[in-house]
Amino acid sequence: TVTTKPFELEGESIEVNVDAKNGEVRVEVLDASGKPTRGLFGEDSQVYRAVDELRLQPKWKDSLAALKGQVVQLRFSLNNAKLYAFQVKP
């Protein structure tokens, strides 16, 4: 598991460079204090299996765009996977 430092979300989506062709990855959104964000955490976040993506765009039950301008953290849960980078997109 990798959790980012708190940062201001300046965009409406993210792209993730990840190699999980033999594993899985999940991206969850936390608030500034590290508490889960409803609609963007746990069962509300999609698990990606057997992916090797340069620009994976994670999906959640709710829209990440609603948090634009707020301070958030991202939690990347990796199982037999490598996280190379992520980028916030406008």
PDB file of N, CA and C in Angstrom:
ATOM      1  N   THR A   1       0.844  -1.186   0.000  1.00  0.00           N
ATOM      2  CA  THR A   1       0.000   0.000   0.000  1.00  0.00           C
ATOM      3  C   THR A   1       0.880   1.236   0.000  1.00  0.00           C
ATOM      4  N   VAL A   2       0.540   2.191  -0.863  1.00  0.00           N
ATOM      5  CA  VAL A   2       1.241   3.472  -0.945  1.00  0.00           C
ATOM      6  C   VAL A   2       0.201   4.567  -0.771  1.00  0.00           C
ATOM      7  N   THR A   3       0.444   5.489   0.167  1.00  0.00           N
ATOM      8  CA  THR A   3      -0.459   6.612   0.386  1.00  0.00           C
ATOM      9  C   THR A   3       0.311   7.903   0.167  1.00  0.00           C
ATOM     10  N   THR A   4      -0.251   8.791  -0.634  1.00  0.00           N
ATOM     11  CA  THR A   4       0.410  10.063  -0.919  1.00  0.00           C
ATOM     12  C   THR A   4       0.326  10.991   0.280  1.00  0.00           C
ATOM     13  N   LYS A   5       1.159  11.996   0.260  1.00  0.00           N
ATOM     14  CA  LYS A   5       1.016  13.094   1.212  1.00  0.00           C
ATOM     15  C   LYS A   5      -0.233  13.874   0.805  1.00  0.00           C
ATOM     16  N   PRO A   6      -0.856  14.592   1.732  1.00  0.00           N
ATOM     17  CA  PRO A   6      -2.014  15.417   1.367  1.00  0.00           C
ATOM     18  C   PRO A   6      -1.615  16.464   0.315  1.00  0.00           C
ATOM     19  N   PHE A   7      -2.489  16.653  -0.664  1.00  0.00           N
ATOM     20  CA  PHE A   7      -2.272  17.656  -1.704  1.00  0.00           C
ATOM     21  C   PHE A   7      -3.607  18.225  -2.167  1.00  0.00           C
ATOM     22  N   GLU A   8      -3.566  19.445  -2.697  1.00  0.00           N
ATOM     23  CA  GLU A   8      -4.781  20.056  -3.215  1.00  0.00           C
ATOM     24  C   GLU A   8      -5.078  19.484  -4.590  1.00  0.00           C
ATOM     25  N   LEU A   9      -6.260  18.945  -4.752  1.00  0.00           N
ATOM     26  CA  LEU A   9      -6.679  18.350  -6.016  1.00  0.00           C
ATOM     27  C   LEU A   9      -7.011  19.468  -6.998  1.00  0.00           C
ATOM     28  N   GLU A  10      -6.160  19.663  -7.976  1.00  0.00           N
ATOM     29  CA  GLU A  10      -6.324  20.755  -8.932  1.00  0.00           C
ATOM     30  C   GLU A  10      -6.976  20.314 -10.230  1.00  0.00           C
ATOM     31  N   GLY A  11      -7.268  19.050 -10.369  1.00  0.00           N
ATOM     32  CA  GLY A  11      -7.893  18.545 -11.586  1.00  0.00           C
ATOM     33  C   GLY A  11      -9.161  17.776 -11.275  1.00  0.00           C
ATOM     34  N   GLU A  12      -9.653  17.060 -12.297  1.00  0.00           N
ATOM     35  CA  GLU A  12     -10.916  16.346 -12.147  1.00  0.00           C
ATOM     36  C   GLU A  12     -10.770  14.840 -12.315  1.00  0.00           C
ATOM     37  N   SER A  13      -9.568  14.391 -12.678  1.00  0.00           N
ATOM     38  CA  SER A  13      -9.324  12.962 -12.841  1.00  0.00           C
ATOM     39  C   SER A  13      -7.836  12.678 -12.645  1.00  0.00           C
ATOM     40  N   ILE A  14      -7.502  11.396 -12.577  1.00  0.00           N
ATOM     41  CA  ILE A  14      -6.092  11.044 -12.490  1.00  0.00           C
ATOM     42  C   ILE A  14      -5.775   9.955 -13.511  1.00  0.00           C
ATOM     43  N   GLU A  15      -4.503   9.883 -13.866  1.00  0.00           N
ATOM     44  CA  GLU A  15      -3.979   8.806 -14.696  1.00  0.00           C
ATOM     45  C   GLU A  15      -2.862   8.136 -13.915  1.00  0.00           C
ATOM     46  N   VAL A  16      -2.801   6.814 -14.012  1.00  0.00           N
ATOM     47  CA  VAL A  16      -1.834   6.045 -13.246  1.00  0.00           C
ATOM     48  C   VAL A  16      -1.013   5.171 -14.189  1.00  0.00           C
ATOM     49  N   ASN A  17       0.309   5.211 -14.019  1.00  0.00           N
ATOM     50  CA  ASN A  17       1.209   4.325 -14.750  1.00  0.00           C
ATOM     51  C   ASN A  17       1.487   3.151 -13.819  1.00  0.00           C
ATOM     52  N   VAL A  18       0.941   1.991 -14.148  1.00  0.00           N
ATOM     53  CA  VAL A  18       1.015   0.827 -13.270  1.00  0.00           C
ATOM     54  C   VAL A  18       1.209  -0.452 -14.079  1.00  0.00           C
ATOM     55  N   ASP A  19       1.989  -1.364 -13.521  1.00  0.00           N
ATOM     56  CA  ASP A  19       2.167  -2.690 -14.097  1.00  0.00           C
ATOM     57  C   ASP A  19       1.610  -3.703 -13.107  1.00  0.00           C
ATOM     58  N   ALA A  20       0.419  -4.184 -13.417  1.00  0.00           N
ATOM     59  CA  ALA A  20      -0.226  -5.199 -12.581  1.00  0.00           C
ATOM     60  C   ALA A  20      -0.686  -6.351 -13.475  1.00  0.00           C
ATOM     61  N   LYS A  21       0.148  -6.658 -14.487  1.00  0.00           N
ATOM     62  CA  LYS A  21      -0.273  -7.706 -15.424  1.00  0.00           C
ATOM     63  C   LYS A  21      -0.405  -9.074 -14.757  1.00  0.00           C
ATOM     64  N   ASN A  22       0.279  -9.273 -13.642  1.00  0.00           N
ATOM     65  CA  ASN A  22       0.167 -10.518 -12.883  1.00  0.00           C
ATOM     66  C   ASN A  22      -0.415 -10.272 -11.492  1.00  0.00           C
ATOM     67  N   GLY A  23      -1.117  -9.166 -11.339  1.00  0.00           N
ATOM     68  CA  GLY A  23      -1.649  -8.823 -10.019  1.00  0.00           C
ATOM     69  C   GLY A  23      -2.861  -7.922 -10.120  1.00  0.00           C
ATOM     70  N   GLU A  24      -2.963  -6.999  -9.146  1.00  0.00           N
ATOM     71  CA  GLU A  24      -4.109  -6.096  -9.126  1.00  0.00           C
ATOM     72  C   GLU A  24      -3.743  -4.791  -8.424  1.00  0.00           C
ATOM     73  N   VAL A  25      -4.542  -3.769  -8.718  1.00  0.00           N
ATOM     74  CA  VAL A  25      -4.352  -2.449  -8.128  1.00  0.00           C
ATOM     75  C   VAL A  25      -5.720  -1.821  -7.869  1.00  0.00           C
ATOM     76  N   ARG A  26      -5.804  -1.059  -6.776  1.00  0.00           N
ATOM     77  CA  ARG A  26      -7.009  -0.295  -6.442  1.00  0.00           C
ATOM     78  C   ARG A  26      -6.543   1.088  -6.003  1.00  0.00           C
ATOM     79  N   VAL A  27      -7.258   2.128  -6.445  1.00  0.00           N
ATOM     80  CA  VAL A  27      -6.944   3.500  -6.053  1.00  0.00           C
ATOM     81  C   VAL A  27      -8.126   4.030  -5.252  1.00  0.00           C
ATOM     82  N   GLU A  28      -7.845   4.464  -4.024  1.00  0.00           N
ATOM     83  CA  GLU A  28      -8.883   4.999  -3.153  1.00  0.00           C
ATOM     84  C   GLU A  28      -8.530   6.431  -2.775  1.00  0.00           C
ATOM     85  N   VAL A  29      -9.553   7.212  -2.451  1.00  0.00           N
ATOM     86  CA  VAL A  29      -9.358   8.618  -2.109  1.00  0.00           C
ATOM     87  C   VAL A  29      -9.661   8.819  -0.622  1.00  0.00           C
ATOM     88  N   LEU A  30      -8.729   9.512   0.042  1.00  0.00           N
ATOM     89  CA  LEU A  30      -8.866   9.837   1.459  1.00  0.00           C
ATOM     90  C   LEU A  30      -8.948  11.352   1.603  1.00  0.00           C
ATOM     91  N   ASP A  31      -9.488  11.825   2.725  1.00  0.00           N
ATOM     92  CA  ASP A  31      -9.486  13.264   2.965  1.00  0.00           C
ATOM     93  C   ASP A  31      -8.117  13.678   3.505  1.00  0.00           C
ATOM     94  N   ALA A  32      -7.949  14.933   3.840  1.00  0.00           N
ATOM     95  CA  ALA A  32      -6.653  15.470   4.277  1.00  0.00           C
ATOM     96  C   ALA A  32      -6.126  14.780   5.532  1.00  0.00           C
ATOM     97  N   SER A  33      -7.029  14.294   6.383  1.00  0.00           N
ATOM     98  CA  SER A  33      -6.601  13.641   7.624  1.00  0.00           C
ATOM     99  C   SER A  33      -6.442  12.130   7.478  1.00  0.00           C
ATOM    100  N   GLY A  34      -6.677  11.606   6.274  1.00  0.00           N
ATOM    101  CA  GLY A  34      -6.509  10.176   6.028  1.00  0.00           C
ATOM    102  C   GLY A  34      -7.759   9.341   6.216  1.00  0.00           C
ATOM    103  N   LYS A  35      -8.902   9.990   6.370  1.00  0.00           N
ATOM    104  CA  LYS A  35     -10.164   9.261   6.514  1.00  0.00           C
ATOM    105  C   LYS A  35     -10.744   8.948   5.131  1.00  0.00           C
ATOM    106  N   PRO A  36     -11.399   7.792   4.979  1.00  0.00           N
ATOM    107  CA  PRO A  36     -11.987   7.422   3.688  1.00  0.00           C
ATOM    108  C   PRO A  36     -13.006   8.451   3.202  1.00  0.00           C
ATOM    109  N   THR A  37     -13.037   8.649   1.895  1.00  0.00           N
ATOM    110  CA  THR A  37     -13.987   9.555   1.267  1.00  0.00           C
ATOM    111  C   THR A  37     -15.135   8.736   0.689  1.00  0.00           C
ATOM    112  N   ARG A  38     -16.329   9.009   1.146  1.00  0.00           N
ATOM    113  CA  ARG A  38     -17.524   8.269   0.703  1.00  0.00           C
ATOM    114  C   ARG A  38     -17.653   8.329  -0.820  1.00  0.00           C
ATOM    115  N   GLY A  39     -17.920   7.177  -1.415  1.00  0.00           N
ATOM    116  CA  GLY A  39     -18.101   7.085  -2.861  1.00  0.00           C
ATOM    117  C   GLY A  39     -16.799   6.937  -3.637  1.00  0.00           C
ATOM    118  N   LEU A  40     -15.647   7.052  -2.934  1.00  0.00           N
ATOM    119  CA  LEU A  40     -14.346   6.971  -3.596  1.00  0.00           C
ATOM    120  C   LEU A  40     -13.393   6.047  -2.834  1.00  0.00           C
ATOM    121  N   PHE A  41     -13.944   5.140  -2.036  1.00  0.00           N
ATOM    122  CA  PHE A  41     -13.129   4.291  -1.170  1.00  0.00           C
ATOM    123  C   PHE A  41     -13.766   2.906  -1.061  1.00  0.00           C
ATOM    124  N   GLY A  42     -12.960   1.912  -0.777  1.00  0.00           N
ATOM    125  CA  GLY A  42     -13.464   0.556  -0.530  1.00  0.00           C
ATOM    126  C   GLY A  42     -14.243   0.011  -1.707  1.00  0.00           C
ATOM    127  N   GLU A  43     -15.431  -0.478  -1.433  1.00  0.00           N
ATOM    128  CA  GLU A  43     -16.276  -1.083  -2.469  1.00  0.00           C
ATOM    129  C   GLU A  43     -16.657  -0.107  -3.580  1.00  0.00           C
ATOM    130  N   ASP A  44     -16.518   1.188  -3.318  1.00  0.00           N
ATOM    131  CA  ASP A  44     -16.869   2.203  -4.320  1.00  0.00           C
ATOM    132  C   ASP A  44     -15.729   2.481  -5.298  1.00  0.00           C
ATOM    133  N   SER A  45     -14.585   1.808  -5.105  1.00  0.00           N
ATOM    134  CA  SER A  45     -13.461   1.961  -6.022  1.00  0.00           C
ATOM    135  C   SER A  45     -13.229   0.640  -6.753  1.00  0.00           C
ATOM    136  N   GLN A  46     -12.927   0.734  -8.019  1.00  0.00           N
ATOM    137  CA  GLN A  46     -12.765  -0.453  -8.855  1.00  0.00           C
ATOM    138  C   GLN A  46     -11.394  -1.093  -8.640  1.00  0.00           C
ATOM    139  N   VAL A  47     -11.357  -2.421  -8.642  1.00  0.00           N
ATOM    140  CA  VAL A  47     -10.099  -3.169  -8.603  1.00  0.00           C
ATOM    141  C   VAL A  47      -9.752  -3.534 -10.038  1.00  0.00           C
ATOM    142  N   TYR A  48      -8.513  -3.242 -10.427  1.00  0.00           N
ATOM    143  CA  TYR A  48      -8.047  -3.552 -11.778  1.00  0.00           C
ATOM    144  C   TYR A  48      -7.099  -4.741 -11.693  1.00  0.00           C
ATOM    145  N   ARG A  49      -7.431  -5.794 -12.430  1.00  0.00           N
ATOM    146  CA  ARG A  49      -6.623  -7.012 -12.437  1.00  0.00           C
ATOM    147  C   ARG A  49      -6.034  -7.229 -13.827  1.00  0.00           C
ATOM    148  N   ALA A  50      -4.812  -7.749 -13.837  1.00  0.00           N
ATOM    149  CA  ALA A  50      -4.122  -8.100 -15.091  1.00  0.00           C
ATOM    150  C   ALA A  50      -4.044  -6.912 -16.049  1.00  0.00           C
ATOM    151  N   VAL A  51      -3.609  -5.762 -15.531  1.00  0.00           N
ATOM    152  CA  VAL A  51      -3.444  -4.567 -16.363  1.00  0.00           C
ATOM    153  C   VAL A  51      -1.981  -4.128 -16.367  1.00  0.00           C
ATOM    154  N   ASP A  52      -1.560  -3.581 -17.481  1.00  0.00           N
ATOM    155  CA  ASP A  52      -0.242  -2.950 -17.618  1.00  0.00           C
ATOM    156  C   ASP A  52      -0.521  -1.685 -18.416  1.00  0.00           C
ATOM    157  N   GLU A  53      -0.751  -0.583 -17.702  1.00  0.00           N
ATOM    158  CA  GLU A  53      -1.238   0.646 -18.327  1.00  0.00           C
ATOM    159  C   GLU A  53      -0.320   1.825 -18.063  1.00  0.00           C
ATOM    160  N   LEU A  54      -0.089   2.600 -19.083  1.00  0.00           N
ATOM    161  CA  LEU A  54       0.655   3.838 -18.953  1.00  0.00           C
ATOM    162  C   LEU A  54      -0.255   4.947 -18.436  1.00  0.00           C
ATOM    163  N   ARG A  55      -1.538   4.908 -18.819  1.00  0.00           N
ATOM    164  CA  ARG A  55      -2.491   5.963 -18.446  1.00  0.00           C
ATOM    165  C   ARG A  55      -3.824   5.378 -17.960  1.00  0.00           C
ATOM    166  N   LEU A  56      -3.752   4.505 -16.980  1.00  0.00           N
ATOM    167  CA  LEU A  56      -4.969   3.935 -16.390  1.00  0.00           C
ATOM    168  C   LEU A  56      -5.762   5.051 -15.732  1.00  0.00           C
ATOM    169  N   GLN A  57      -7.044   5.135 -16.031  1.00  0.00           N
ATOM    170  CA  GLN A  57      -7.913   6.148 -15.436  1.00  0.00           C
ATOM    171  C   GLN A  57      -8.883   5.455 -14.479  1.00  0.00           C
ATOM    172  N   PRO A  58      -8.538   5.436 -13.186  1.00  0.00           N
ATOM    173  CA  PRO A  58      -9.388   4.753 -12.209  1.00  0.00           C
ATOM    174  C   PRO A  58     -10.801   5.327 -12.175  1.00  0.00           C
ATOM    175  N   LYS A  59     -11.747   4.468 -11.864  1.00  0.00           N
ATOM    176  CA  LYS A  59     -13.149   4.862 -11.764  1.00  0.00           C
ATOM    177  C   LYS A  59     -13.661   4.528 -10.370  1.00  0.00           C
ATOM    178  N   TRP A  60     -14.576   5.350  -9.916  1.00  0.00           N
ATOM    179  CA  TRP A  60     -15.205   5.169  -8.622  1.00  0.00           C
ATOM    180  C   TRP A  60     -16.714   5.312  -8.780  1.00  0.00           C
ATOM    181  N   LYS A  61     -17.451   4.994  -7.726  1.00  0.00           N
ATOM    182  CA  LYS A  61     -18.907   5.171  -7.730  1.00  0.00           C
ATOM    183  C   LYS A  61     -19.249   6.647  -7.924  1.00  0.00           C
ATOM    184  N   ASP A  62     -18.557   7.534  -7.187  1.00  0.00           N
ATOM    185  CA  ASP A  62     -18.786   8.977  -7.305  1.00  0.00           C
ATOM    186  C   ASP A  62     -17.670   9.608  -8.134  1.00  0.00           C
ATOM    187  N   SER A  63     -17.860  10.848  -8.508  1.00  0.00           N
ATOM    188  CA  SER A  63     -16.895  11.552  -9.349  1.00  0.00           C
ATOM    189  C   SER A  63     -15.803  12.215  -8.520  1.00  0.00           C
ATOM    190  N   LEU A  64     -14.566  12.053  -8.951  1.00  0.00           N
ATOM    191  CA  LEU A  64     -13.438  12.725  -8.317  1.00  0.00           C
ATOM    192  C   LEU A  64     -13.538  14.233  -8.515  1.00  0.00           C
ATOM    193  N   ALA A  65     -14.167  14.672  -9.582  1.00  0.00           N
ATOM    194  CA  ALA A  65     -14.285  16.095  -9.901  1.00  0.00           C
ATOM    195  C   ALA A  65     -14.966  16.890  -8.785  1.00  0.00           C
ATOM    196  N   ALA A  66     -15.821  16.245  -8.006  1.00  0.00           N
ATOM    197  CA  ALA A  66     -16.520  16.933  -6.914  1.00  0.00           C
ATOM    198  C   ALA A  66     -15.562  17.412  -5.826  1.00  0.00           C
ATOM    199  N   LEU A  67     -14.352  16.846  -5.786  1.00  0.00           N
ATOM    200  CA  LEU A  67     -13.371  17.210  -4.759  1.00  0.00           C
ATOM    201  C   LEU A  67     -12.352  18.233  -5.249  1.00  0.00           C
ATOM    202  N   LYS A  68     -12.521  18.719  -6.461  1.00  0.00           N
ATOM    203  CA  LYS A  68     -11.569  19.685  -7.015  1.00  0.00           C
ATOM    204  C   LYS A  68     -11.443  20.884  -6.071  1.00  0.00           C
ATOM    205  N   GLY A  69     -10.185  21.257  -5.767  1.00  0.00           N
ATOM    206  CA  GLY A  69      -9.921  22.367  -4.860  1.00  0.00           C
ATOM    207  C   GLY A  69      -9.777  21.959  -3.408  1.00  0.00           C
ATOM    208  N   GLN A  70     -10.103  20.707  -3.085  1.00  0.00           N
ATOM    209  CA  GLN A  70      -9.979  20.217  -1.715  1.00  0.00           C
ATOM    210  C   GLN A  70      -8.652  19.481  -1.534  1.00  0.00           C
ATOM    211  N   VAL A  71      -8.237  19.343  -0.288  1.00  0.00           N
ATOM    212  CA  VAL A  71      -7.013  18.600   0.026  1.00  0.00           C
ATOM    213  C   VAL A  71      -7.391  17.122   0.199  1.00  0.00           C
ATOM    214  N   VAL A  72      -6.697  16.258  -0.541  1.00  0.00           N
ATOM    215  CA  VAL A  72      -6.961  14.821  -0.521  1.00  0.00           C
ATOM    216  C   VAL A  72      -5.641  14.052  -0.425  1.00  0.00           C
ATOM    217  N   GLN A  73      -5.771  12.761  -0.232  1.00  0.00           N
ATOM    218  CA  GLN A  73      -4.665  11.818  -0.345  1.00  0.00           C
ATOM    219  C   GLN A  73      -5.151  10.674  -1.219  1.00  0.00           C
ATOM    220  N   LEU A  74      -4.259  10.022  -1.913  1.00  0.00           N
ATOM    221  CA  LEU A  74      -4.592   8.838  -2.692  1.00  0.00           C
ATOM    222  C   LEU A  74      -3.928   7.635  -2.046  1.00  0.00           C
ATOM    223  N   ARG A  75      -4.665   6.548  -1.968  1.00  0.00           N
ATOM    224  CA  ARG A  75      -4.119   5.289  -1.459  1.00  0.00           C
ATOM    225  C   ARG A  75      -4.121   4.283  -2.607  1.00  0.00           C
ATOM    226  N   PHE A  76      -2.953   3.791  -2.935  1.00  0.00           N
ATOM    227  CA  PHE A  76      -2.779   2.782  -3.975  1.00  0.00           C
ATOM    228  C   PHE A  76      -2.547   1.442  -3.282  1.00  0.00           C
ATOM    229  N   SER A  77      -3.476   0.512  -3.452  1.00  0.00           N
ATOM    230  CA  SER A  77      -3.318  -0.830  -2.904  1.00  0.00           C
ATOM    231  C   SER A  77      -2.853  -1.737  -4.032  1.00  0.00           C
ATOM    232  N   LEU A  78      -1.659  -2.278  -3.872  1.00  0.00           N
ATOM    233  CA  LEU A  78      -1.016  -3.072  -4.916  1.00  0.00           C
ATOM    234  C   LEU A  78      -0.808  -4.498  -4.438  1.00  0.00           C
ATOM    235  N   ASN A  79      -1.139  -5.443  -5.286  1.00  0.00           N
ATOM    236  CA  ASN A  79      -0.883  -6.846  -5.011  1.00  0.00           C
ATOM    237  C   ASN A  79      -0.162  -7.407  -6.230  1.00  0.00           C
ATOM    238  N   ASN A  80       1.118  -7.735  -6.056  1.00  0.00           N
ATOM    239  CA  ASN A  80       1.941  -8.213  -7.160  1.00  0.00           C
ATOM    240  C   ASN A  80       1.906  -7.216  -8.320  1.00  0.00           C
ATOM    241  N   ALA A  81       2.122  -5.949  -7.994  1.00  0.00           N
ATOM    242  CA  ALA A  81       2.040  -4.866  -8.983  1.00  0.00           C
ATOM    243  C   ALA A  81       3.092  -3.806  -8.682  1.00  0.00           C
ATOM    244  N   LYS A  82       3.401  -3.004  -9.702  1.00  0.00           N
ATOM    245  CA  LYS A  82       4.358  -1.902  -9.563  1.00  0.00           C
ATOM    246  C   LYS A  82       3.688  -0.594  -9.966  1.00  0.00           C
ATOM    247  N   LEU A  83       3.805   0.399  -9.098  1.00  0.00           N
ATOM    248  CA  LEU A  83       3.294   1.739  -9.375  1.00  0.00           C
ATOM    249  C   LEU A  83       4.473   2.594  -9.788  1.00  0.00           C
ATOM    250  N   TYR A  84       4.391   3.189 -10.977  1.00  0.00           N
ATOM    251  CA  TYR A  84       5.489   4.027 -11.466  1.00  0.00           C
ATOM    252  C   TYR A  84       5.209   5.509 -11.275  1.00  0.00           C
ATOM    253  N   ALA A  85       3.981   5.934 -11.519  1.00  0.00           N
ATOM    254  CA  ALA A  85       3.650   7.362 -11.422  1.00  0.00           C
ATOM    255  C   ALA A  85       2.144   7.543 -11.459  1.00  0.00           C
ATOM    256  N   PHE A  86       1.714   8.725 -11.015  1.00  0.00           N
ATOM    257  CA  PHE A  86       0.320   9.130 -11.228  1.00  0.00           C
ATOM    258  C   PHE A  86       0.338  10.616 -11.552  1.00  0.00           C
ATOM    259  N   GLN A  87      -0.724  11.060 -12.208  1.00  0.00           N
ATOM    260  CA  GLN A  87      -0.817  12.443 -12.646  1.00  0.00           C
ATOM    261  C   GLN A  87      -2.263  12.918 -12.518  1.00  0.00           C
ATOM    262  N   VAL A  88      -2.440  14.105 -11.977  1.00  0.00           N
ATOM    263  CA  VAL A  88      -3.768  14.704 -11.888  1.00  0.00           C
ATOM    264  C   VAL A  88      -4.046  15.409 -13.214  1.00  0.00           C
ATOM    265  N   LYS A  89      -5.201  15.157 -13.795  1.00  0.00           N
ATOM    266  CA  LYS A  89      -5.573  15.726 -15.085  1.00  0.00           C
ATOM    267  C   LYS A  89      -6.700  16.748 -14.920  1.00  0.00           C
ATOM    268  N   PRO A  90      -6.660  17.812 -15.742  1.00  0.00           N
ATOM    269  CA  PRO A  90      -7.726  18.842 -15.666  1.00  0.00           C
ATOM    270  C   PRO A  90      -9.086  18.304 -16.075  1.00  0.00           C
TER     271      PRO A  90
END
